[in-house]
Protein backbone atom coordinates (compact mmCIF):
# COMPACT_ATOMS: atom_id res chain seq x y z
CA MET A 1 0.13 0.11 -0.14
CA ALA A 2 1.51 3.22 -0.83
CA VAL A 3 1.22 6.05 1.73
CA ASN A 4 2.25 9.98 1.48
CA SER A 5 4.67 11.52 3.64
CA ALA A 6 2.31 12.06 6.60
CA GLY A 7 1.59 8.50 6.35
CA ILE A 8 -1.66 8.33 5.08
CA ASN A 9 -3.13 5.93 2.35
CA PHE A 10 -3.21 6.48 -0.96
CA THR A 11 -6.92 5.59 -2.24
CA LYS A 12 -5.90 5.82 -5.98
CA SER A 13 -2.92 5.12 -8.22
CA PRO A 14 0.13 7.64 -7.61
CA GLY A 15 0.92 7.01 -11.43
CA LYS A 16 2.10 4.46 -13.93
CA GLY A 17 5.66 3.18 -13.11
CA SER A 18 5.60 4.79 -9.94
CA PHE A 19 7.54 1.96 -8.13
CA ARG A 20 10.09 -0.31 -9.12
CA VAL A 21 11.12 -3.40 -7.32
CA GLN A 22 14.61 -5.18 -7.31
CA ILE A 23 15.14 -8.84 -5.85
CA SER A 24 18.44 -10.67 -5.14
CA SER A 25 19.89 -13.15 -2.81
CA LEU A 26 21.23 -12.47 0.45
CA THR A 27 24.14 -14.55 0.07
CA PRO A 28 27.13 -12.64 -1.48
CA GLY A 29 28.09 -14.25 -4.65
CA GLU A 30 24.93 -16.42 -5.00
CA HIS A 31 23.51 -15.99 -8.69
CA ILE A 32 20.16 -16.50 -9.12
CA ARG A 33 17.99 -15.48 -12.17
CA ILE A 34 14.75 -14.12 -10.65
CA HIS A 35 11.59 -12.74 -12.91
CA VAL A 36 10.56 -9.47 -11.35
CA PRO A 37 7.77 -7.63 -13.47
CA GLN A 38 6.53 -4.30 -12.75
CA PRO A 39 4.29 -4.18 -9.98
CA LEU A 40 0.94 -4.55 -10.49
CA ASP A 41 -1.22 -1.28 -9.99
CA ARG A 42 -4.26 -2.17 -8.67
CA ALA A 43 -5.59 1.60 -8.97
CA ASP A 44 -6.60 1.80 -5.31
CA GLY A 45 -3.42 2.89 -3.80
CA SER A 46 -2.21 -0.65 -3.58
CA PHE A 47 0.16 -2.54 -5.52
CA LEU A 48 1.14 -6.44 -5.95
CA MET A 49 4.76 -7.27 -6.24
CA ARG A 50 5.29 -10.66 -7.94
CA TYR A 51 8.53 -12.71 -8.68
CA ARG A 52 9.43 -16.08 -10.04
CA LEU A 53 12.71 -17.86 -8.79
CA TYR A 54 14.90 -19.87 -11.30
CA GLY A 55 16.93 -21.06 -8.87
CA SER A 56 16.87 -21.19 -4.78
CA ALA A 57 18.25 -18.83 -2.20
CA SER A 58 20.00 -20.63 0.41
CA LYS A 59 19.95 -17.52 3.00
CA GLY A 60 16.73 -15.86 1.52
CA LEU A 61 16.11 -12.92 -0.37
CA LYS A 62 16.60 -9.23 -0.11
CA VAL A 63 13.71 -7.30 -1.66
CA GLU A 64 14.62 -3.36 -2.62
CA VAL A 65 11.55 -1.02 -3.09
CA PHE A 66 12.31 2.40 -4.87
CA TYR A 67 9.92 5.14 -5.82
CA LYS A 68 11.79 7.33 -8.70
CA ASP A 69 14.83 5.34 -7.82
CA GLN A 70 14.79 6.34 -3.99
CA PRO A 71 14.12 3.49 -1.47
CA VAL A 72 11.00 3.91 0.54
CA GLY A 73 9.59 2.76 3.53
CA GLN A 74 11.91 0.24 5.32
CA SER A 75 13.48 -0.70 2.04
CA PRO A 76 15.21 -2.74 1.65
CA TYR A 77 13.25 -5.94 3.11
CA VAL A 78 14.46 -9.49 3.97
CA LEU A 79 12.91 -12.73 2.94
CA GLN A 80 14.51 -14.97 5.64
CA GLY A 81 15.67 -18.17 3.90
CA PRO A 82 16.04 -21.07 2.46
CA VAL A 83 13.69 -19.91 -0.52
CA TYR A 84 13.10 -22.67 -3.13
CA HIS A 85 11.97 -22.38 -6.82
CA GLU A 86 8.78 -24.17 -7.78
CA TYR A 87 10.40 -27.38 -9.06
CA CYS A 88 12.58 -27.60 -5.84
CA ASP A 89 11.43 -30.84 -4.18
CA CYS A 90 11.80 -29.53 -0.44
CA PRO A 91 8.85 -30.31 1.84
CA GLU A 92 8.41 -29.15 5.01
CA ALA A 93 8.08 -32.11 7.11
CA ASN A 94 6.36 -30.61 9.94
CA PRO A 95 2.79 -29.59 8.44
CA PRO A 96 1.93 -27.36 11.57
CA THR A 97 5.02 -25.32 10.92
CA TRP A 98 3.89 -24.60 7.06
CA LEU A 99 0.50 -24.00 8.22
CA GLY A 100 1.59 -21.37 10.12
CA ASN A 101 3.94 -20.00 7.69
CA MET A 102 1.24 -19.80 5.39
CA ALA A 103 -1.12 -18.35 7.66
CA CYS A 104 -3.70 -20.60 6.82
CA PRO A 105 -7.28 -20.38 8.10
CA THR A 106 -7.95 -22.64 11.42
CA GLU A 107 -11.45 -23.57 9.80
CA GLU A 108 -13.00 -23.48 6.08
CA PRO A 109 -16.64 -23.25 6.21
CA GLN A 110 -16.89 -25.12 3.05
CA ILE A 111 -14.54 -27.91 4.09
CA LEU A 112 -16.44 -28.40 7.33
CA LYS A 113 -19.96 -28.55 5.57
CA ASP A 114 -18.62 -30.91 2.81
CA PHE A 115 -16.89 -33.48 5.38
CA SER A 116 -20.37 -33.32 7.78
CA ASN A 117 -21.69 -35.97 5.41
CA PHE A 118 -18.56 -38.46 5.99
CA PRO A 119 -17.65 -38.88 9.50
CA SER A 120 -15.85 -41.81 8.53
CA ILE A 121 -14.54 -43.01 5.14
CA ASP A 122 -14.13 -46.57 4.45
CA LEU A 123 -11.62 -47.20 1.72
CA GLN A 124 -12.69 -50.92 1.08
CA ARG A 125 -15.68 -49.54 0.32
CA LEU A 126 -14.76 -47.01 -2.07
CA LEU A 127 -12.64 -49.37 -3.97
CA LYS A 128 -15.54 -51.55 -4.51
CA GLU A 129 -18.20 -49.07 -5.28
CA VAL A 130 -16.55 -46.15 -7.06
CA PRO A 131 -15.44 -47.73 -10.41
CA ARG A 132 -18.91 -49.39 -10.63
CA ARG A 133 -21.04 -46.41 -9.86
CA PHE A 134 -18.79 -43.50 -11.27
CA ALA A 135 -16.09 -45.30 -13.82
CA GLN A 136 -18.70 -44.95 -16.98
CA ARG A 137 -19.56 -41.25 -15.92
CA GLY A 138 -16.67 -39.32 -17.34
CA GLY A 139 -13.37 -38.71 -15.97
CA LEU A 140 -12.56 -40.25 -12.76
CA ILE A 141 -8.98 -40.43 -11.00
CA HIS A 142 -7.98 -42.46 -7.96
CA TYR A 143 -5.08 -41.44 -6.36
CA THR A 144 -2.91 -42.67 -3.43
CA VAL A 145 -0.55 -40.41 -1.31
CA LEU A 146 1.77 -42.67 0.38
CA ASN A 147 5.23 -41.46 1.92
CA ASN A 148 4.39 -37.96 -0.05
CA GLN A 149 4.52 -39.95 -3.27
CA VAL A 150 1.65 -39.58 -5.93
CA TYR A 151 0.17 -42.39 -7.39
CA ARG A 152 -2.77 -42.53 -9.71
CA ARG A 153 -4.86 -44.66 -12.20
CA ALA A 154 -7.37 -43.44 -14.80
CA LEU A 155 -11.32 -44.46 -14.51
CA GLY A 156 -13.47 -43.62 -17.44
CA LYS A 157 -13.26 -42.27 -20.75
CA TYR A 158 -12.61 -38.70 -20.36
CA THR A 159 -9.34 -38.07 -18.11
CA ASP A 160 -7.22 -35.97 -19.97
CA PHE A 161 -7.92 -33.38 -17.05
CA LYS A 162 -5.71 -35.24 -14.66
CA MET A 163 -2.80 -33.14 -15.70
CA PHE A 164 -4.33 -30.25 -13.36
CA SER A 165 -4.68 -32.50 -10.49
CA ASP A 166 -1.43 -34.14 -11.08
CA GLU A 167 0.45 -30.64 -11.31
CA MET A 168 -1.30 -29.39 -8.02
CA LEU A 169 -0.95 -32.40 -5.94
CA LEU A 170 3.03 -32.39 -7.10
CA SER A 171 3.46 -28.71 -6.26
CA LEU A 172 1.79 -29.10 -2.94
CA ALA A 173 3.99 -32.18 -2.32
CA ARG A 174 7.06 -30.19 -2.80
CA LYS A 175 6.11 -27.59 -0.37
CA VAL A 176 4.81 -29.77 2.69
CA ARG A 177 4.87 -33.43 3.38
CA LEU A 178 1.43 -34.77 2.60
CA PRO A 179 -0.55 -37.04 4.65
CA ASP A 180 -1.07 -41.02 3.30
CA VAL A 181 -4.48 -40.64 1.80
CA GLU A 182 -6.28 -42.51 -0.99
CA PHE A 183 -9.17 -40.35 -2.66
CA TYR A 184 -10.74 -39.98 -6.06
CA ILE A 185 -10.90 -36.73 -7.95
CA ASN A 186 -13.67 -36.22 -10.50
CA VAL A 187 -12.11 -34.56 -13.27
CA GLY A 188 -15.28 -33.54 -15.33
CA ASP A 189 -17.56 -30.83 -15.20
CA TRP A 190 -20.72 -31.91 -13.43
CA PRO A 191 -20.53 -33.19 -9.77
CA MET A 192 -21.03 -37.05 -8.88
CA GLU A 193 -22.59 -37.80 -5.71
CA THR A 194 -26.46 -37.65 -5.70
CA ARG A 195 -27.02 -40.02 -2.77
CA LYS A 196 -28.60 -37.80 0.48
CA VAL A 197 -27.07 -38.62 3.91
CA ASN A 198 -29.87 -40.64 5.03
CA ASP A 199 -29.98 -42.95 1.86
CA THR A 200 -28.83 -46.47 2.19
CA PRO A 201 -26.24 -46.92 1.28
CA GLY A 202 -25.18 -43.41 1.91
CA PRO A 203 -23.15 -41.19 -0.42
CA LEU A 204 -19.24 -41.65 -1.42
CA PRO A 205 -16.80 -38.88 -0.67
CA ILE A 206 -15.94 -37.63 -4.24
CA ILE A 207 -14.09 -35.00 -4.54
CA SER A 208 -15.10 -32.44 -7.78
CA TRP A 209 -14.04 -28.66 -8.94
CA CYS A 210 -17.76 -28.07 -8.56
CA GLY A 211 -20.66 -28.66 -6.26
CA SER A 212 -24.33 -28.32 -6.51
CA ALA A 213 -27.42 -28.04 -4.24
CA ASP A 214 -28.22 -31.80 -5.57
CA THR A 215 -25.16 -33.53 -4.78
CA ARG A 216 -22.72 -34.18 -1.99
CA ASP A 217 -19.32 -34.14 -3.33
CA ILE A 218 -16.13 -32.38 -1.59
CA ILE A 219 -15.05 -29.31 -3.08
CA LEU A 220 -11.48 -28.14 -4.36
CA PRO A 221 -10.50 -25.12 -6.18
CA THR A 222 -11.38 -25.32 -9.70
CA TYR A 223 -8.61 -26.57 -12.06
CA ASP A 224 -8.60 -23.14 -13.78
CA ILE A 225 -7.73 -20.82 -10.78
CA THR A 226 -5.45 -23.80 -9.81
CA HIS A 227 -3.42 -23.84 -13.07
CA SER A 228 -3.47 -20.15 -13.82
CA THR A 229 -1.76 -19.97 -9.82
CA LEU A 230 0.48 -22.49 -10.73
CA GLU A 231 1.37 -20.96 -14.13
CA THR A 232 1.67 -17.40 -13.10
CA MET A 233 4.26 -15.49 -14.94
CA ARG A 234 4.89 -18.47 -17.01
CA GLY A 235 2.07 -20.57 -19.20
CA VAL A 236 -0.93 -18.07 -18.56
CA SER A 237 -1.49 -14.53 -19.01
CA ASN A 238 -4.87 -14.30 -17.23
CA ASP A 239 -4.31 -15.06 -13.79
CA LEU A 240 -5.52 -14.28 -10.49
CA LEU A 241 -3.04 -11.69 -9.71
CA SER A 242 -2.70 -10.42 -13.41
CA VAL A 243 -6.54 -9.59 -13.38
CA GLN A 244 -6.15 -7.16 -10.49
CA GLY A 245 -3.62 -4.83 -11.97
CA ASN A 246 -5.45 -5.01 -15.20
CA THR A 247 -9.24 -3.48 -14.09
CA GLY A 248 -9.68 -1.10 -16.87
CA PRO A 249 -10.84 2.61 -16.25
CA LEU A 250 -11.73 4.03 -13.11
CA TRP A 251 -15.21 3.41 -12.04
CA VAL A 252 -16.19 7.19 -13.16
CA ASN A 253 -14.97 6.36 -16.34
CA LYS A 254 -16.42 3.09 -17.35
CA THR A 255 -18.91 2.49 -19.89
CA GLU A 256 -22.14 2.27 -17.98
CA GLN A 257 -23.62 -1.04 -19.88
CA ALA A 258 -23.70 -4.31 -18.67
CA PHE A 259 -21.02 -6.80 -20.44
CA PHE A 260 -21.06 -10.41 -21.66
CA ARG A 261 -19.32 -12.51 -23.79
CA GLY A 262 -19.18 -16.14 -24.04
CA ARG A 263 -19.95 -19.61 -25.25
CA ASP A 264 -23.41 -20.81 -25.88
CA SER A 265 -23.15 -23.21 -22.68
CA ARG A 266 -26.44 -22.62 -21.37
CA GLU A 267 -29.76 -21.23 -22.68
CA GLU A 268 -29.92 -18.34 -20.40
CA ARG A 269 -26.72 -17.10 -22.18
CA LEU A 270 -29.02 -16.98 -25.57
CA ARG A 271 -31.40 -14.79 -23.56
CA LEU A 272 -28.77 -12.52 -23.01
CA VAL A 273 -28.29 -11.39 -26.65
CA THR A 274 -31.97 -10.98 -26.97
CA LEU A 275 -31.87 -9.18 -24.13
CA SER A 276 -29.10 -7.10 -25.72
CA ARG A 277 -31.04 -6.28 -28.43
CA GLU A 278 -34.11 -5.27 -26.88
CA ASN A 279 -32.27 -2.91 -24.52
CA PRO A 280 -28.87 -1.68 -26.45
CA ASP A 281 -28.13 1.26 -24.23
CA LEU A 282 -28.00 -1.07 -21.00
CA LEU A 283 -26.61 -4.62 -22.04
CA ASP A 284 -23.82 -5.41 -24.75
CA ALA A 285 -24.15 -9.48 -24.84
CA GLY A 286 -22.74 -11.53 -27.46
CA ILE A 287 -22.17 -15.22 -28.12
CA THR A 288 -18.34 -16.06 -29.36
CA GLY A 289 -18.86 -19.69 -30.14
CA TYR A 290 -21.74 -22.22 -30.86
CA PHE A 291 -21.54 -25.61 -29.76
CA PHE A 292 -24.60 -26.32 -27.78
CA PHE A 293 -27.12 -24.60 -29.71
CA ARG A 294 -25.73 -24.34 -33.39
CA GLU A 295 -29.05 -24.00 -34.96
CA LYS A 296 -29.09 -20.28 -33.28
CA GLU A 297 -26.12 -18.82 -34.51
CA LYS A 298 -27.88 -17.64 -37.85
CA GLU A 299 -30.34 -15.59 -35.61
CA LEU A 300 -28.18 -14.51 -32.76
CA GLY A 301 -25.08 -13.68 -34.57
CA LYS A 302 -21.74 -14.49 -33.42
CA ALA A 303 -19.42 -12.05 -31.55
CA PRO A 304 -15.85 -11.57 -32.04
CA LEU A 305 -13.69 -12.19 -28.90
CA THR A 306 -12.98 -9.88 -26.53
CA GLY A 307 -9.83 -9.94 -24.68
CA PHE A 308 -10.68 -10.39 -20.74
CA PHE A 309 -8.97 -7.32 -19.52
CA ASN A 310 -11.35 -5.71 -21.84
CA PHE A 311 -14.46 -6.64 -19.96
CA PHE A 312 -13.51 -4.15 -17.29
CA LYS A 313 -14.05 -1.19 -19.34
CA TYR A 314 -17.57 -1.75 -18.55
CA LYS A 315 -19.33 -0.75 -15.25
CA TYR A 316 -21.36 -4.04 -14.73
CA GLN A 317 -20.21 -7.65 -15.39
CA VAL A 318 -23.07 -10.24 -16.12
CA ASN A 319 -22.25 -13.79 -14.77
CA VAL A 320 -24.05 -16.77 -15.99
CA ASP A 321 -23.46 -20.32 -15.53
CA GLY A 322 -21.83 -22.56 -18.32
CA THR A 323 -22.58 -26.20 -18.18
CA VAL A 324 -21.77 -25.93 -14.71
CA ALA A 325 -20.65 -22.85 -12.44
CA ALA A 326 -19.12 -19.94 -14.94
CA TYR A 327 -15.45 -20.25 -13.98
CA ARG A 328 -14.92 -16.94 -14.98
CA PHE A 329 -16.85 -15.48 -11.85
CA PRO A 330 -13.88 -15.22 -9.47
CA TYR A 331 -11.65 -13.31 -12.18
CA LEU A 332 -14.79 -11.07 -12.28
CA MET A 333 -14.95 -10.45 -8.68
CA LEU A 334 -11.22 -9.34 -8.50
CA GLY A 335 -12.05 -6.69 -11.10
CA ASP A 336 -13.71 -3.39 -9.85
CA SER A 337 -16.87 -3.91 -12.07
CA LEU A 338 -20.10 -4.66 -10.28
CA VAL A 339 -21.17 -8.17 -10.88
CA LEU A 340 -24.60 -9.14 -11.41
CA LYS A 341 -24.71 -13.14 -10.72
CA GLN A 342 -27.41 -15.40 -11.74
CA ALA A 343 -28.85 -17.76 -9.40
CA SER A 344 -27.38 -20.87 -9.25
CA PRO A 345 -27.35 -24.52 -8.22
CA TYR A 346 -23.65 -24.74 -8.59
CA TYR A 347 -20.89 -23.26 -6.63
CA GLU A 348 -17.39 -23.33 -6.18
CA HIS A 349 -15.34 -23.48 -3.17
CA PHE A 350 -15.36 -19.99 -2.02
CA TYR A 351 -19.06 -19.04 -2.83
CA ILE A 352 -20.01 -19.78 0.87
CA HIS A 353 -18.37 -16.65 2.06
CA LEU A 354 -20.18 -14.36 -0.42
CA GLN A 355 -23.40 -12.33 0.41
CA PRO A 356 -25.85 -11.29 -2.55
CA GLY A 357 -26.28 -7.63 -1.97
CA LYS A 358 -23.46 -7.04 -0.28
CA HIS A 359 -20.86 -8.77 -2.40
CA TYR A 360 -22.52 -9.04 -5.64
CA VAL A 361 -26.03 -8.28 -7.19
CA PRO A 362 -28.12 -11.31 -7.39
CA VAL A 363 -30.26 -12.05 -10.70
CA GLN A 364 -33.03 -14.75 -10.99
CA ARG A 365 -32.07 -17.57 -12.83
CA SER A 366 -34.29 -16.87 -15.63
CA LEU A 367 -33.01 -13.49 -16.00
CA VAL A 368 -36.09 -11.91 -15.84
CA ASP A 369 -35.10 -9.19 -13.43
CA LEU A 370 -31.74 -8.54 -15.14
CA ILE A 371 -32.56 -5.25 -17.11
CA ASP A 372 -34.24 -3.90 -13.92
CA LYS A 373 -31.35 -4.89 -12.00
CA ILE A 374 -29.04 -2.65 -14.49
CA LYS A 375 -31.38 0.41 -14.12
CA TRP A 376 -31.26 0.24 -10.28
CA ALA A 377 -27.22 -0.05 -10.41
CA LYS A 378 -27.40 3.12 -12.87
CA LYS A 379 -29.83 4.77 -10.44
CA ASN A 380 -27.82 4.17 -7.42
CA ASP A 381 -24.28 4.34 -8.60
CA ALA A 382 -22.75 5.03 -5.17
CA GLU A 383 -24.20 1.82 -3.66
CA ALA A 384 -23.41 -0.14 -6.79
CA GLN A 385 -19.67 1.05 -6.65
CA ALA A 386 -19.61 -0.11 -2.88
CA ILE A 387 -21.09 -3.56 -3.69
CA ALA A 388 -18.48 -3.84 -6.20
CA ARG A 389 -15.76 -2.82 -3.85
CA GLU A 390 -16.66 -5.12 -1.05
CA GLY A 391 -16.73 -7.68 -3.26
CA GLN A 392 -13.15 -7.10 -4.50
CA ILE A 393 -11.90 -6.96 -1.39
CA LEU A 394 -13.42 -10.35 -0.18
CA ALA A 395 -12.36 -11.79 -3.46
CA ARG A 396 -8.58 -10.78 -2.90
CA GLN A 397 -8.59 -12.38 0.42
CA LEU A 398 -9.93 -15.61 -0.58
CA LEU A 399 -8.35 -15.89 -3.83
CA GLN A 400 -4.77 -15.53 -2.98
CA PRO A 401 -2.62 -18.35 -4.12
CA SER A 402 -1.40 -18.68 -0.68
CA ARG A 403 -5.16 -19.69 0.49
CA LEU A 404 -5.71 -22.16 -2.58
CA TYR A 405 -2.55 -24.44 -1.05
CA CYS A 406 -3.83 -24.04 2.49
CA TYR A 407 -7.55 -25.29 1.05
CA TYR A 408 -5.98 -28.32 -0.97
CA TYR A 409 -3.70 -29.21 1.82
CA THR A 410 -6.70 -28.93 4.49
CA VAL A 411 -8.81 -30.99 2.32
CA LEU A 412 -6.41 -34.01 2.08
CA GLN A 413 -5.64 -33.46 5.83
CA MET A 414 -9.42 -33.97 6.51
CA TYR A 415 -9.82 -36.68 4.53
CA ALA A 416 -6.93 -38.58 5.67
CA GLY A 417 -8.04 -38.25 9.34
CA ARG A 418 -11.29 -40.01 8.52
CA GLN A 419 -10.21 -42.83 6.66
CA THR A 420 -10.71 -46.22 8.62
CA SER A 421 -7.88 -48.10 6.99
CA GLN A 422 -4.46 -47.27 5.73
CA PRO A 423 -4.35 -46.55 1.73
CA THR A 424 -2.48 -48.82 -0.54
CA VAL A 425 -0.64 -48.63 -3.82
CA HIS A 426 -3.16 -50.79 -6.17
CA GLN A 427 -2.64 -52.73 -9.42
CA GLY A 428 -2.57 -50.63 -12.23
CA MET A 429 -1.34 -47.26 -10.39
CA ASP A 430 1.68 -45.35 -11.87
CA LEU A 431 3.91 -43.39 -9.81
CA VAL A 432 3.19 -39.72 -10.85
CA PRO A 433 6.91 -38.04 -10.96
CA GLN A 434 7.95 -34.93 -9.50
CA PRO A 435 9.45 -32.99 -12.75
CA SER A 436 12.93 -32.62 -13.20
CA ASP A 437 14.41 -28.78 -13.51
CA ASN A 438 18.24 -29.56 -14.15
CA THR A 439 18.78 -25.98 -14.99
CA ALA A 440 18.10 -24.57 -11.63
CA HIS A 441 19.87 -25.64 -8.35
CA CYS A 442 18.01 -27.16 -5.55
CA LYS A 443 19.69 -28.41 -2.36
CA CYS A 444 17.41 -29.08 0.60
CA GLU A 445 18.41 -27.61 3.83
CA ARG A 446 15.24 -28.03 5.99
CA GLU A 447 15.70 -30.30 8.94
CA THR A 448 15.10 -33.95 8.63
CA GLN A 449 11.93 -35.22 9.75
CA GLY A 450 9.47 -37.87 9.21
CA ASP A 451 10.25 -41.70 8.27
CA GLY A 452 9.52 -41.81 4.71
CA PRO A 453 12.14 -43.77 2.13
CA ALA A 454 15.58 -42.42 1.60
CA SER A 455 15.86 -40.11 -1.92
CA GLY A 456 18.83 -38.21 -0.88
CA LYS A 457 16.98 -35.03 0.25
CA ASP A 458 17.10 -33.90 4.02
CA GLU A 459 13.39 -33.51 4.22
CA LEU A 460 12.76 -37.15 3.90
């Protein structure tokens, strides 16, 4: 957060390129390649400083912050080490230490709610029932984590998205020693378990990226925000951090229309185009690709693709479900436009924290009240801006990269604690190897704890 000479926080940007950050190793002579892009200006006086290491810093990092080439605040700041690069396989052997260092929440209400359906988890029952009930319904991956090694086998036809669950589990295992745990992840769109708690037999603890009012799946952060977090400043351009520095014009300068672009993955999205034609001064909506309703393309037309950051030129953003929850929603919440969210039976891991009318404006599932809600927002500009700001502040807190890692670990920890037998590496399971990074030095300097198999790593 930028402050003036009197110590008062800025409430808007002090200007493009105001600050520069330089990061280097604390160890003299230790040369590490560190990618440090320009700080992200969030236009409210706060900035995000990002970096990616291509080597490990044995003693830590020195972070220098400059304003017009002059150090600011208490710069330089010290990040005590060792600090490891992403692909350095050096997990913290003591999970409570890692949880404390990450400032993980003591409770996650969605996790508690999901596991309330599963006071105990019988792995032998899962082994018999899960393949029979779910293997033909899409993509299901059977994982076992044993001695911090990840094993898996694929069940079903559509399992390519296992690459997303693989990469997060491997990344987490490089940072903290995981509990021994055996579970099933649904890598398809729709949540799976429809049995109710009082049914006989009862529900099975399937892990999914999306939940619904009619299912009992255990929810993890979606593959989309997980992958974008892991690939920040590397393989993706739209991620949970970069969007915060690309929120378009200030509120007063945004176009006073609601905006939508997306595929035809739900009929209400087609309805948006009709509403847009009837109310062009209030709503700019278009379908960018047809798959489910190809016969409608001639009637409704096809809109050109719009870069996501350009969405925020508009004051209001319409969020309508796709096949399940629209995975753009967290990115929209991190912008500084007002989100008008369609009522939905589907939810992601963080929705439980959000309050309609406080963090976003709710819209009926049929969209029958959408135009009236846009008119309300235009008439009540200050209140609309306040709701947008409340939603943005909460989203920044809930969607920090560290919070996603905490969430994944807590799910695995709670699942492991409810298992009634020991996890097993089953026939047909393959070891998912950690990626190698021969170009970056990785020397683990954590203290030895635990009793895993010897591998030349101090943490084991």
